[in-house]
Amino acid sequence: MIGRKRFLLCATAFFLLLATASAETFRVHALKTLRLLPDSAEEQTVSIGINDSIAVFMPEDKTYIEGIELKVQIPKIVADWRDSVAFSVYDSISPRPATDKIDYSGRKIYVTPLPTKLTWIVHIPLSTDTSLKPDSYITKLNVTPDVSAGYTFLRFQPAMKGVPDETYESELTVSAKPILKNIGKLELSILSPENQPASGDVFIDGTQISLRNGSAYLTPGLHTLNVQVADYRNEARSIVIEQAKTTNVTVALRSTEPTLTVNAPANAEVFLDDKPFKDTGTEIRTTEGEHKIRFLIGGYEVIRTLTIQKGKSYSANLTVDLEITEE
């Protein structure tokens, strides 16, 4: 037992030494690949031996990805032999990882023995500005791999002699998926009545925001959008932002000149300010002030007066109803 404790202490020191080592050359038994999707938390899974490596390839657009989640299913024989298998993360890998290559050089930035548990969840941050936190179920790495080449390189390797053959013959199941940022993108287009791009003040939930190239990142959920452009009506919309997705919104500006829509049955005569009105069902521009609408239908006359204000739209609807009662 004392000899085993000493070995474990040496193994721990060995891991710490490796973590600070410079570039090294090594050979793996096999290289497996996983490819993450840009805006989906779908897992990609591969089975590997304890002397294999994995290249996790990133999507070209990493806007919404703040980290990688690994889930490692560890065989019981490996978990029972503490410190028997090491897990490492490398930077500056050469040549570019491929399944037909087994010889590599790179700089190890992180190393640790596999834990004595059957399922191990690891979070790998992709930047120092991250919301990722470790807890009793998740190991968050304290390093940030360089993924500018489009991938990160993970290595598993035996780290102890004298273990049963079943340990070396074991297979790990490794799943990887992107950890998505809790944001979505608003792409806003503001168009004038002449269908030309326009700009103005944009408010989200009552707070003015600045757009960059017509876009802004928002938290997922329901938001109130307000657009204010001089000489046009203020426009309000309810929008839903989805996590890691882009929501396209087009706001068509309207003149502050008031409008009126009159709806009436086909056999009704309509008069606006005592002049015959033939544009029923169509929104028309009108003037501010008091206006009179008169309807004639089947010998009945209905007259209404309305006061129209700048920047507002009005609708006048004549409805004919039939009421039947029974005693």
C-alpha atoms as a PDB file:
ATOM      1  CA  MET A   1       0.000   0.000   0.000  1.00  0.00           C
ATOM      2  CA  ILE A   2       2.842   2.397   0.847  1.00  0.00           C
ATOM      3  CA  GLY A   3       4.475   1.652  -2.511  1.00  0.00           C
ATOM      4  CA  ARG A   4       1.210   2.404  -4.305  1.00  0.00           C
ATOM      5  CA  LYS A   5       0.825   5.732  -2.476  1.00  0.00           C
ATOM      6  CA  ARG A   6       4.356   6.692  -3.453  1.00  0.00           C
ATOM      7  CA  PHE A   7       3.583   5.791  -7.053  1.00  0.00           C
ATOM      8  CA  LEU A   8       0.466   7.917  -7.027  1.00  0.00           C
ATOM      9  CA  LEU A   9       2.414  10.875  -5.648  1.00  0.00           C
ATOM     10  CA  CYS A  10       5.012  10.423  -8.386  1.00  0.00           C
ATOM     11  CA  ALA A  11       2.278  10.178 -10.994  1.00  0.00           C
ATOM     12  CA  THR A  12       0.706  13.409  -9.730  1.00  0.00           C
ATOM     13  CA  ALA A  13       4.037  15.195  -9.884  1.00  0.00           C
ATOM     14  CA  PHE A  14       4.523  13.786 -13.375  1.00  0.00           C
ATOM     15  CA  PHE A  15       1.213  15.298 -14.516  1.00  0.00           C
ATOM     16  CA  LEU A  16       2.117  18.683 -13.082  1.00  0.00           C
ATOM     17  CA  LEU A  17       5.486  18.568 -14.841  1.00  0.00           C
ATOM     18  CA  LEU A  18       3.850  17.746 -18.160  1.00  0.00           C
ATOM     19  CA  ALA A  19       1.427  20.630 -17.791  1.00  0.00           C
ATOM     20  CA  THR A  20       4.282  23.115 -17.935  1.00  0.00           C
ATOM     21  CA  ALA A  21       6.350  21.363 -20.593  1.00  0.00           C
ATOM     22  CA  SER A  22       7.213  22.946 -23.918  1.00  0.00           C
ATOM     23  CA  ALA A  23       6.413  21.458 -27.306  1.00  0.00           C
ATOM     24  CA  GLU A  24       6.783  17.687 -27.564  1.00  0.00           C
ATOM     25  CA  THR A  25       6.626  15.048 -30.252  1.00  0.00           C
ATOM     26  CA  PHE A  26       4.398  12.037 -29.721  1.00  0.00           C
ATOM     27  CA  ARG A  27       2.561   9.202 -31.443  1.00  0.00           C
ATOM     28  CA  VAL A  28      -1.046   8.182 -30.890  1.00  0.00           C
ATOM     29  CA  HIS A  29      -2.618   4.827 -31.631  1.00  0.00           C
ATOM     30  CA  ALA A  30      -5.427   6.462 -33.623  1.00  0.00           C
ATOM     31  CA  LEU A  31      -6.848   9.910 -34.287  1.00  0.00           C
ATOM     32  CA  LYS A  32     -10.632  10.371 -34.234  1.00  0.00           C
ATOM     33  CA  THR A  33     -12.504  13.532 -35.218  1.00  0.00           C
ATOM     34  CA  LEU A  34     -15.650  15.270 -34.012  1.00  0.00           C
ATOM     35  CA  ARG A  35     -17.273  18.238 -35.768  1.00  0.00           C
ATOM     36  CA  LEU A  36     -19.417  20.691 -33.839  1.00  0.00           C
ATOM     37  CA  LEU A  37     -22.441  22.427 -35.342  1.00  0.00           C
ATOM     38  CA  PRO A  38     -22.518  26.262 -35.281  1.00  0.00           C
ATOM     39  CA  ASP A  39     -25.891  26.931 -33.645  1.00  0.00           C
ATOM     40  CA  SER A  40     -26.968  23.590 -32.202  1.00  0.00           C
ATOM     41  CA  ALA A  41     -26.204  21.892 -28.900  1.00  0.00           C
ATOM     42  CA  GLU A  42     -26.431  18.484 -30.561  1.00  0.00           C
ATOM     43  CA  GLU A  43     -23.852  15.988 -29.278  1.00  0.00           C
ATOM     44  CA  GLN A  44     -21.304  14.313 -31.547  1.00  0.00           C
ATOM     45  CA  THR A  45     -19.999  10.997 -30.185  1.00  0.00           C
ATOM     46  CA  VAL A  46     -17.011   8.744 -30.853  1.00  0.00           C
ATOM     47  CA  SER A  47     -15.525   5.632 -29.221  1.00  0.00           C
ATOM     48  CA  ILE A  48     -11.777   5.650 -28.595  1.00  0.00           C
ATOM     49  CA  GLY A  49      -9.078   3.613 -26.943  1.00  0.00           C
ATOM     50  CA  ILE A  50      -7.037   4.846 -24.000  1.00  0.00           C
ATOM     51  CA  ASN A  51      -4.111   5.688 -26.271  1.00  0.00           C
ATOM     52  CA  ASP A  52      -6.117   7.615 -28.875  1.00  0.00           C
ATOM     53  CA  SER A  53      -6.617  11.311 -29.563  1.00  0.00           C
ATOM     54  CA  ILE A  54      -9.559  13.412 -30.693  1.00  0.00           C
ATOM     55  CA  ALA A  55      -9.535  16.520 -32.839  1.00  0.00           C
ATOM     56  CA  VAL A  56     -12.688  18.536 -32.119  1.00  0.00           C
ATOM     57  CA  PHE A  57     -13.275  20.702 -35.186  1.00  0.00           C
ATOM     58  CA  MET A  58     -15.092  23.981 -34.709  1.00  0.00           C
ATOM     59  CA  PRO A  59     -17.618  25.552 -37.096  1.00  0.00           C
ATOM     60  CA  GLU A  60     -16.381  28.504 -39.114  1.00  0.00           C
ATOM     61  CA  ASP A  61     -18.827  30.807 -37.339  1.00  0.00           C
ATOM     62  CA  LYS A  62     -18.090  30.623 -33.609  1.00  0.00           C
ATOM     63  CA  THR A  63     -20.125  33.712 -32.704  1.00  0.00           C
ATOM     64  CA  TYR A  64     -22.475  31.901 -30.365  1.00  0.00           C
ATOM     65  CA  ILE A  65     -20.036  29.346 -28.922  1.00  0.00           C
ATOM     66  CA  GLU A  66     -18.394  30.089 -25.583  1.00  0.00           C
ATOM     67  CA  GLY A  67     -17.061  26.626 -24.837  1.00  0.00           C
ATOM     68  CA  ILE A  68     -17.016  22.898 -25.506  1.00  0.00           C
ATOM     69  CA  GLU A  69     -18.708  20.333 -23.313  1.00  0.00           C
ATOM     70  CA  LEU A  70     -17.143  16.889 -23.198  1.00  0.00           C
ATOM     71  CA  LYS A  71     -18.904  13.910 -21.689  1.00  0.00           C
ATOM     72  CA  VAL A  72     -16.571  10.981 -21.136  1.00  0.00           C
ATOM     73  CA  GLN A  73     -18.052   7.557 -20.351  1.00  0.00           C
ATOM     74  CA  ILE A  74     -15.311   5.743 -18.420  1.00  0.00           C
ATOM     75  CA  PRO A  75     -15.277   1.927 -18.161  1.00  0.00           C
ATOM     76  CA  LYS A  76     -15.338   0.645 -14.593  1.00  0.00           C
ATOM     77  CA  ILE A  77     -11.976  -1.094 -14.985  1.00  0.00           C
ATOM     78  CA  VAL A  78     -10.383   2.265 -15.820  1.00  0.00           C
ATOM     79  CA  ALA A  79     -12.200   4.135 -13.061  1.00  0.00           C
ATOM     80  CA  ASP A  80     -11.136   1.528 -10.495  1.00  0.00           C
ATOM     81  CA  TRP A  81      -7.452   2.044 -11.354  1.00  0.00           C
ATOM     82  CA  ARG A  82      -6.992   5.623 -10.263  1.00  0.00           C
ATOM     83  CA  ASP A  83      -4.517   7.675 -12.312  1.00  0.00           C
ATOM     84  CA  SER A  84      -4.147   4.897 -14.901  1.00  0.00           C
ATOM     85  CA  VAL A  85      -5.179   7.105 -17.851  1.00  0.00           C
ATOM     86  CA  ALA A  86      -4.305  10.744 -18.468  1.00  0.00           C
ATOM     87  CA  PHE A  87      -6.326  13.359 -20.352  1.00  0.00           C
ATOM     88  CA  SER A  88      -4.478  16.238 -22.050  1.00  0.00           C
ATOM     89  CA  VAL A  89      -5.249  19.307 -24.136  1.00  0.00           C
ATOM     90  CA  TYR A  90      -2.733  20.550 -26.717  1.00  0.00           C
ATOM     91  CA  ASP A  91      -2.091  23.725 -28.653  1.00  0.00           C
ATOM     92  CA  SER A  92       0.122  24.342 -31.703  1.00  0.00           C
ATOM     93  CA  ILE A  93      -0.459  20.883 -33.149  1.00  0.00           C
ATOM     94  CA  SER A  94       1.479  19.927 -36.278  1.00  0.00           C
ATOM     95  CA  PRO A  95       0.607  18.544 -38.750  1.00  0.00           C
ATOM     96  CA  ARG A  96      -3.091  19.371 -39.018  1.00  0.00           C
ATOM     97  CA  PRO A  97      -5.021  16.495 -37.397  1.00  0.00           C
ATOM     98  CA  ALA A  98      -6.275  13.818 -39.776  1.00  0.00           C
ATOM     99  CA  THR A  99      -7.407  10.238 -39.322  1.00  0.00           C
ATOM    100  CA  ASP A 100      -4.530   8.936 -41.455  1.00  0.00           C
ATOM    101  CA  LYS A 101      -1.868  10.586 -39.276  1.00  0.00           C
ATOM    102  CA  ILE A 102      -0.594   9.316 -35.910  1.00  0.00           C
ATOM    103  CA  ASP A 103       2.613  11.339 -35.378  1.00  0.00           C
ATOM    104  CA  TYR A 104       2.254  14.862 -34.012  1.00  0.00           C
ATOM    105  CA  SER A 105       4.037  17.618 -32.178  1.00  0.00           C
ATOM    106  CA  GLY A 106       2.382  20.163 -29.939  1.00  0.00           C
ATOM    107  CA  ARG A 107       2.407  22.048 -26.686  1.00  0.00           C
ATOM    108  CA  LYS A 108       0.520  20.530 -23.787  1.00  0.00           C
ATOM    109  CA  ILE A 109      -1.509  23.177 -21.936  1.00  0.00           C
ATOM    110  CA  TYR A 110      -3.499  20.948 -19.596  1.00  0.00           C
ATOM    111  CA  VAL A 111      -3.236  17.432 -18.191  1.00  0.00           C
ATOM    112  CA  THR A 112      -5.072  15.496 -15.499  1.00  0.00           C
ATOM    113  CA  PRO A 113      -5.782  11.843 -14.685  1.00  0.00           C
ATOM    114  CA  LEU A 114      -9.257  10.543 -15.447  1.00  0.00           C
ATOM    115  CA  PRO A 115     -11.379  10.651 -12.297  1.00  0.00           C
ATOM    116  CA  THR A 116     -12.676   7.612 -10.450  1.00  0.00           C
ATOM    117  CA  LYS A 117     -16.191   8.021 -11.812  1.00  0.00           C
ATOM    118  CA  LEU A 118     -18.051   6.417 -14.688  1.00  0.00           C
ATOM    119  CA  THR A 119     -19.202   9.689 -16.278  1.00  0.00           C
ATOM    120  CA  TRP A 120     -17.000  12.774 -16.400  1.00  0.00           C
ATOM    121  CA  ILE A 121     -18.269  16.099 -17.745  1.00  0.00           C
ATOM    122  CA  VAL A 122     -15.688  18.688 -18.780  1.00  0.00           C
ATOM    123  CA  HIS A 123     -16.246  22.293 -19.850  1.00  0.00           C
ATOM    124  CA  ILE A 124     -13.508  23.817 -22.008  1.00  0.00           C
ATOM    125  CA  PRO A 125     -13.825  27.634 -22.270  1.00  0.00           C
ATOM    126  CA  LEU A 126     -12.902  29.271 -25.554  1.00  0.00           C
ATOM    127  CA  SER A 127     -12.199  32.684 -24.057  1.00  0.00           C
ATOM    128  CA  THR A 128     -11.309  34.170 -20.710  1.00  0.00           C
ATOM    129  CA  ASP A 129     -14.577  36.127 -20.741  1.00  0.00           C
ATOM    130  CA  THR A 130     -16.990  33.288 -20.106  1.00  0.00           C
ATOM    131  CA  SER A 131     -19.988  32.490 -17.953  1.00  0.00           C
ATOM    132  CA  LEU A 132     -18.859  28.883 -17.441  1.00  0.00           C
ATOM    133  CA  LYS A 133     -18.576  27.811 -13.807  1.00  0.00           C
ATOM    134  CA  PRO A 134     -17.405  24.540 -12.249  1.00  0.00           C
ATOM    135  CA  ASP A 135     -19.636  22.626  -9.867  1.00  0.00           C
ATOM    136  CA  SER A 136     -19.839  19.211  -8.210  1.00  0.00           C
ATOM    137  CA  TYR A 137     -20.788  17.603 -11.544  1.00  0.00           C
ATOM    138  CA  ILE A 138     -18.688  19.611 -13.996  1.00  0.00           C
ATOM    139  CA  THR A 139     -14.952  20.122 -14.286  1.00  0.00           C
ATOM    140  CA  LYS A 140     -14.141  23.492 -15.860  1.00  0.00           C
ATOM    141  CA  LEU A 141     -10.654  23.668 -17.301  1.00  0.00           C
ATOM    142  CA  ASN A 142      -8.545  26.604 -16.192  1.00  0.00           C
ATOM    143  CA  VAL A 143      -6.998  26.998 -19.647  1.00  0.00           C
ATOM    144  CA  THR A 144      -8.271  28.400 -22.928  1.00  0.00           C
ATOM    145  CA  PRO A 145      -7.162  26.455 -25.995  1.00  0.00           C
ATOM    146  CA  ASP A 146      -6.287  28.308 -29.170  1.00  0.00           C
ATOM    147  CA  VAL A 147      -8.943  27.352 -31.750  1.00  0.00           C
ATOM    148  CA  SER A 148      -7.859  29.846 -34.394  1.00  0.00           C
ATOM    149  CA  ALA A 149      -6.805  26.917 -36.586  1.00  0.00           C
ATOM    150  CA  GLY A 150     -10.368  25.587 -36.382  1.00  0.00           C
ATOM    151  CA  TYR A 151      -9.953  22.770 -33.854  1.00  0.00           C
ATOM    152  CA  THR A 152      -8.752  21.741 -30.422  1.00  0.00           C
ATOM    153  CA  PHE A 153      -6.670  18.621 -29.798  1.00  0.00           C
ATOM    154  CA  LEU A 154      -7.422  16.167 -26.979  1.00  0.00           C
ATOM    155  CA  ARG A 155      -5.241  13.235 -26.030  1.00  0.00           C
ATOM    156  CA  PHE A 156      -5.800  10.166 -23.867  1.00  0.00           C
ATOM    157  CA  GLN A 157      -2.809   8.041 -22.857  1.00  0.00           C
ATOM    158  CA  PRO A 158      -1.851   5.334 -20.352  1.00  0.00           C
ATOM    159  CA  ALA A 159      -0.100   6.792 -17.326  1.00  0.00           C
ATOM    160  CA  MET A 160       0.553   3.780 -15.138  1.00  0.00           C
ATOM    161  CA  LYS A 161       2.222   0.375 -15.462  1.00  0.00           C
ATOM    162  CA  GLY A 162       1.090  -2.834 -13.845  1.00  0.00           C
ATOM    163  CA  VAL A 163      -2.601  -2.466 -14.483  1.00  0.00           C
ATOM    164  CA  PRO A 164      -4.734  -5.317 -15.878  1.00  0.00           C
ATOM    165  CA  ASP A 165      -4.747  -5.885 -19.638  1.00  0.00           C
ATOM    166  CA  GLU A 166      -8.483  -5.104 -19.653  1.00  0.00           C
ATOM    167  CA  THR A 167      -7.607  -1.524 -18.784  1.00  0.00           C
ATOM    168  CA  TYR A 168      -5.438  -1.056 -21.866  1.00  0.00           C
ATOM    169  CA  GLU A 169      -8.045  -2.766 -24.034  1.00  0.00           C
ATOM    170  CA  SER A 170     -10.882  -0.580 -22.737  1.00  0.00           C
ATOM    171  CA  GLU A 171     -12.760   1.911 -24.846  1.00  0.00           C
ATOM    172  CA  LEU A 172     -13.991   5.332 -23.786  1.00  0.00           C
ATOM    173  CA  THR A 173     -17.108   6.933 -25.220  1.00  0.00           C
ATOM    174  CA  VAL A 174     -16.573  10.652 -25.701  1.00  0.00           C
ATOM    175  CA  SER A 175     -19.318  13.088 -26.674  1.00  0.00           C
ATOM    176  CA  ALA A 176     -18.757  16.739 -27.540  1.00  0.00           C
ATOM    177  CA  LYS A 177     -21.150  19.603 -28.089  1.00  0.00           C
ATOM    178  CA  PRO A 178     -20.858  23.392 -28.198  1.00  0.00           C
ATOM    179  CA  ILE A 179     -21.834  25.403 -25.150  1.00  0.00           C
ATOM    180  CA  LEU A 180     -23.926  28.202 -26.598  1.00  0.00           C
ATOM    181  CA  LYS A 181     -23.915  31.751 -25.305  1.00  0.00           C
ATOM    182  CA  ASN A 182     -27.206  32.944 -23.876  1.00  0.00           C
ATOM    183  CA  ILE A 183     -27.720  35.517 -26.628  1.00  0.00           C
ATOM    184  CA  GLY A 184     -29.425  35.877 -29.978  1.00  0.00           C
ATOM    185  CA  LYS A 185     -28.993  38.382 -32.785  1.00  0.00           C
ATOM    186  CA  LEU A 186     -31.399  41.044 -33.995  1.00  0.00           C
ATOM    187  CA  GLU A 187     -30.966  42.103 -37.617  1.00  0.00           C
ATOM    188  CA  LEU A 188     -33.014  45.272 -38.077  1.00  0.00           C
ATOM    189  CA  SER A 189     -33.887  46.924 -41.377  1.00  0.00           C
ATOM    190  CA  ILE A 190     -35.599  50.332 -41.336  1.00  0.00           C
ATOM    191  CA  LEU A 191     -37.195  51.391 -44.614  1.00  0.00           C
ATOM    192  CA  SER A 192     -38.714  54.703 -45.645  1.00  0.00           C
ATOM    193  CA  PRO A 193     -42.093  54.856 -47.417  1.00  0.00           C
ATOM    194  CA  GLU A 194     -40.058  54.970 -50.640  1.00  0.00           C
ATOM    195  CA  ASN A 195     -38.488  51.636 -49.618  1.00  0.00           C
ATOM    196  CA  GLN A 196     -35.093  53.240 -48.990  1.00  0.00           C
ATOM    197  CA  PRO A 197     -32.878  52.432 -45.953  1.00  0.00           C
ATOM    198  CA  ALA A 198     -33.363  54.835 -43.069  1.00  0.00           C
ATOM    199  CA  SER A 199     -31.863  55.273 -39.620  1.00  0.00           C
ATOM    200  CA  GLY A 200     -33.148  56.538 -36.309  1.00  0.00           C
ATOM    201  CA  ASP A 201     -33.265  55.849 -32.590  1.00  0.00           C
ATOM    202  CA  VAL A 202     -33.856  52.221 -31.587  1.00  0.00           C
ATOM    203  CA  PHE A 203     -35.156  51.195 -28.182  1.00  0.00           C
ATOM    204  CA  ILE A 204     -35.369  47.701 -26.717  1.00  0.00           C
ATOM    205  CA  ASP A 205     -37.642  47.355 -23.699  1.00  0.00           C
ATOM    206  CA  GLY A 206     -37.501  51.116 -23.249  1.00  0.00           C
ATOM    207  CA  THR A 207     -33.708  51.409 -23.351  1.00  0.00           C
ATOM    208  CA  GLN A 208     -31.955  52.981 -26.308  1.00  0.00           C
ATOM    209  CA  ILE A 209     -29.393  50.723 -27.966  1.00  0.00           C
ATOM    210  CA  SER A 210     -26.736  51.199 -30.633  1.00  0.00           C
ATOM    211  CA  LEU A 211     -26.781  49.008 -33.703  1.00  0.00           C
ATOM    212  CA  ARG A 212     -23.630  47.808 -35.400  1.00  0.00           C
ATOM    213  CA  ASN A 213     -24.219  47.258 -39.102  1.00  0.00           C
ATOM    214  CA  GLY A 214     -27.908  47.077 -38.340  1.00  0.00           C
ATOM    215  CA  SER A 215     -27.601  44.362 -35.712  1.00  0.00           C
ATOM    216  CA  ALA A 216     -27.476  43.913 -31.948  1.00  0.00           C
ATOM    217  CA  TYR A 217     -27.136  40.958 -29.583  1.00  0.00           C
ATOM    218  CA  LEU A 218     -29.963  40.460 -27.091  1.00  0.00           C
ATOM    219  CA  THR A 219     -30.935  37.967 -24.439  1.00  0.00           C
ATOM    220  CA  PRO A 220     -33.383  35.302 -25.620  1.00  0.00           C
ATOM    221  CA  GLY A 221     -37.080  35.904 -25.039  1.00  0.00           C
ATOM    222  CA  LEU A 222     -39.814  38.421 -25.786  1.00  0.00           C
ATOM    223  CA  HIS A 223     -38.763  42.062 -26.260  1.00  0.00           C
ATOM    224  CA  THR A 224     -40.469  45.315 -27.194  1.00  0.00           C
ATOM    225  CA  LEU A 225     -38.866  47.131 -30.112  1.00  0.00           C
ATOM    226  CA  ASN A 226     -39.463  50.851 -30.696  1.00  0.00           C
ATOM    227  CA  VAL A 227     -38.119  52.801 -33.662  1.00  0.00           C
ATOM    228  CA  GLN A 228     -38.185  56.594 -33.712  1.00  0.00           C
ATOM    229  CA  VAL A 229     -37.281  58.486 -36.876  1.00  0.00           C
ATOM    230  CA  ALA A 230     -37.831  62.195 -37.330  1.00  0.00           C
ATOM    231  CA  ASP A 231     -40.787  63.123 -39.578  1.00  0.00           C
ATOM    232  CA  TYR A 232     -42.203  59.602 -39.378  1.00  0.00           C
ATOM    233  CA  ARG A 233     -44.459  57.777 -36.968  1.00  0.00           C
ATOM    234  CA  ASN A 234     -42.996  55.954 -34.009  1.00  0.00           C
ATOM    235  CA  GLU A 235     -43.134  52.230 -34.715  1.00  0.00           C
ATOM    236  CA  ALA A 236     -43.483  49.524 -32.045  1.00  0.00           C
ATOM    237  CA  ARG A 237     -43.101  45.764 -32.442  1.00  0.00           C
ATOM    238  CA  SER A 238     -43.022  42.718 -30.178  1.00  0.00           C
ATOM    239  CA  ILE A 239     -40.120  40.472 -31.183  1.00  0.00           C
ATOM    240  CA  VAL A 240     -38.910  37.077 -29.992  1.00  0.00           C
ATOM    241  CA  ILE A 241     -35.157  36.456 -29.820  1.00  0.00           C
ATOM    242  CA  GLU A 242     -34.026  32.820 -29.880  1.00  0.00           C
ATOM    243  CA  GLN A 243     -30.772  31.609 -28.347  1.00  0.00           C
ATOM    244  CA  ALA A 244     -27.913  31.362 -30.847  1.00  0.00           C
ATOM    245  CA  LYS A 245     -30.164  32.371 -33.739  1.00  0.00           C
ATOM    246  CA  THR A 246     -30.684  35.498 -35.838  1.00  0.00           C
ATOM    247  CA  THR A 247     -34.065  37.237 -35.925  1.00  0.00           C
ATOM    248  CA  ASN A 248     -34.657  39.453 -38.967  1.00  0.00           C
ATOM    249  CA  VAL A 249     -37.062  42.359 -38.472  1.00  0.00           C
ATOM    250  CA  THR A 250     -38.075  44.940 -41.074  1.00  0.00           C
ATOM    251  CA  VAL A 251     -39.767  48.154 -39.952  1.00  0.00           C
ATOM    252  CA  ALA A 252     -41.534  50.087 -42.715  1.00  0.00           C
ATOM    253  CA  LEU A 253     -41.809  53.734 -41.723  1.00  0.00           C
ATOM    254  CA  ARG A 254     -45.059  55.577 -42.205  1.00  0.00           C
ATOM    255  CA  SER A 255     -45.676  59.258 -42.724  1.00  0.00           C
ATOM    256  CA  THR A 256     -47.080  61.272 -39.839  1.00  0.00           C
ATOM    257  CA  GLU A 257     -49.904  62.274 -42.179  1.00  0.00           C
ATOM    258  CA  PRO A 258     -53.062  60.669 -40.709  1.00  0.00           C
ATOM    259  CA  THR A 259     -54.920  57.924 -42.564  1.00  0.00           C
ATOM    260  CA  LEU A 260     -58.505  56.745 -42.666  1.00  0.00           C
ATOM    261  CA  THR A 261     -60.029  53.425 -43.699  1.00  0.00           C
ATOM    262  CA  VAL A 262     -63.797  53.141 -44.217  1.00  0.00           C
ATOM    263  CA  ASN A 263     -65.494  49.746 -44.400  1.00  0.00           C
ATOM    264  CA  ALA A 264     -69.158  49.310 -45.301  1.00  0.00           C
ATOM    265  CA  PRO A 265     -71.453  46.773 -46.995  1.00  0.00           C
ATOM    266  CA  ALA A 266     -71.433  46.831 -50.813  1.00  0.00           C
ATOM    267  CA  ASN A 267     -74.955  48.309 -51.061  1.00  0.00           C
ATOM    268  CA  ALA A 268     -74.203  51.216 -48.711  1.00  0.00           C
ATOM    269  CA  GLU A 269     -73.654  54.789 -49.873  1.00  0.00           C
ATOM    270  CA  VAL A 270     -70.810  56.538 -48.100  1.00  0.00           C
ATOM    271  CA  PHE A 271     -70.152  60.262 -47.828  1.00  0.00           C
ATOM    272  CA  LEU A 272     -67.088  61.892 -46.342  1.00  0.00           C
ATOM    273  CA  ASP A 273     -67.593  65.539 -45.444  1.00  0.00           C
ATOM    274  CA  ASP A 274     -70.784  65.412 -47.556  1.00  0.00           C
ATOM    275  CA  LYS A 275     -68.914  64.218 -50.653  1.00  0.00           C
ATOM    276  CA  PRO A 276     -69.444  60.730 -52.138  1.00  0.00           C
ATOM    277  CA  PHE A 277     -66.734  58.353 -50.960  1.00  0.00           C
ATOM    278  CA  LYS A 278     -65.815  55.451 -53.252  1.00  0.00           C
ATOM    279  CA  ASP A 279     -62.549  54.176 -51.645  1.00  0.00           C
ATOM    280  CA  THR A 280     -64.124  51.831 -49.100  1.00  0.00           C
ATOM    281  CA  GLY A 281     -61.741  49.175 -47.819  1.00  0.00           C
ATOM    282  CA  THR A 282     -58.692  51.248 -48.777  1.00  0.00           C
ATOM    283  CA  GLU A 283     -56.438  53.232 -46.439  1.00  0.00           C
ATOM    284  CA  ILE A 284     -56.326  56.855 -47.613  1.00  0.00           C
ATOM    285  CA  ARG A 285     -54.440  59.882 -46.397  1.00  0.00           C
ATOM    286  CA  THR A 286     -56.520  62.605 -44.877  1.00  0.00           C
ATOM    287  CA  THR A 287     -56.123  65.888 -43.010  1.00  0.00           C
ATOM    288  CA  GLU A 288     -56.111  66.770 -39.353  1.00  0.00           C
ATOM    289  CA  GLY A 289     -59.237  68.103 -37.752  1.00  0.00           C
ATOM    290  CA  GLU A 290     -62.928  67.228 -37.621  1.00  0.00           C
ATOM    291  CA  HIS A 291     -64.528  65.082 -40.334  1.00  0.00           C
ATOM    292  CA  LYS A 292     -68.052  63.751 -40.895  1.00  0.00           C
ATOM    293  CA  ILE A 293     -68.883  60.312 -42.255  1.00  0.00           C
ATOM    294  CA  ARG A 294     -72.427  59.541 -43.442  1.00  0.00           C
ATOM    295  CA  PHE A 295     -73.795  56.115 -44.390  1.00  0.00           C
ATOM    296  CA  LEU A 296     -77.027  55.446 -46.288  1.00  0.00           C
ATOM    297  CA  ILE A 297     -78.295  51.882 -46.477  1.00  0.00           C
ATOM    298  CA  GLY A 298     -81.823  50.614 -47.120  1.00  0.00           C
ATOM    299  CA  GLY A 299     -83.473  53.880 -46.156  1.00  0.00           C
ATOM    300  CA  TYR A 300     -81.447  54.192 -42.954  1.00  0.00           C
ATOM    301  CA  GLU A 301     -78.870  56.884 -42.287  1.00  0.00           C
ATOM    302  CA  VAL A 302     -75.922  56.749 -39.862  1.00  0.00           C
ATOM    303  CA  ILE A 303     -73.791  59.842 -39.235  1.00  0.00           C
ATOM    304  CA  ARG A 304     -70.582  59.945 -37.214  1.00  0.00           C
ATOM    305  CA  THR A 305     -68.110  62.728 -36.535  1.00  0.00           C
ATOM    306  CA  LEU A 306     -64.459  62.061 -35.712  1.00  0.00           C
ATOM    307  CA  THR A 307     -61.504  64.269 -34.858  1.00  0.00           C
ATOM    308  CA  ILE A 308     -58.370  63.202 -36.682  1.00  0.00           C
ATOM    309  CA  GLN A 309     -54.923  63.856 -35.230  1.00  0.00           C
ATOM    310  CA  LYS A 310     -51.508  63.900 -36.846  1.00  0.00           C
ATOM    311  CA  GLY A 311     -49.584  60.614 -36.871  1.00  0.00           C
ATOM    312  CA  LYS A 312     -52.591  58.366 -36.263  1.00  0.00           C
ATOM    313  CA  SER A 313     -54.644  55.928 -38.305  1.00  0.00           C
ATOM    314  CA  TYR A 314     -58.409  55.633 -38.090  1.00  0.00           C
ATOM    315  CA  SER A 315     -60.894  53.001 -39.181  1.00  0.00           C
ATOM    316  CA  ALA A 316     -64.655  53.559 -39.593  1.00  0.00           C
ATOM    317  CA  ASN A 317     -66.664  50.330 -39.928  1.00  0.00           C
ATOM    318  CA  LEU A 318     -70.390  50.102 -40.650  1.00  0.00           C
ATOM    319  CA  THR A 319     -71.782  46.730 -39.598  1.00  0.00           C
ATOM    320  CA  VAL A 320     -75.283  45.401 -40.082  1.00  0.00           C
ATOM    321  CA  ASP A 321     -76.446  42.909 -37.489  1.00  0.00           C
ATOM    322  CA  LEU A 322     -79.544  40.727 -37.178  1.00  0.00           C
ATOM    323  CA  GLU A 323     -80.772  39.965 -33.659  1.00  0.00           C
ATOM    324  CA  ILE A 324     -83.249  37.129 -33.064  1.00  0.00           C
ATOM    325  CA  THR A 325     -84.939  36.601 -29.712  1.00  0.00           C
ATOM    326  CA  GLU A 326     -87.230  33.843 -28.508  1.00  0.00           C
ATOM    327  CA  GLU A 327     -89.737  34.033 -25.678  1.00  0.00           C
END
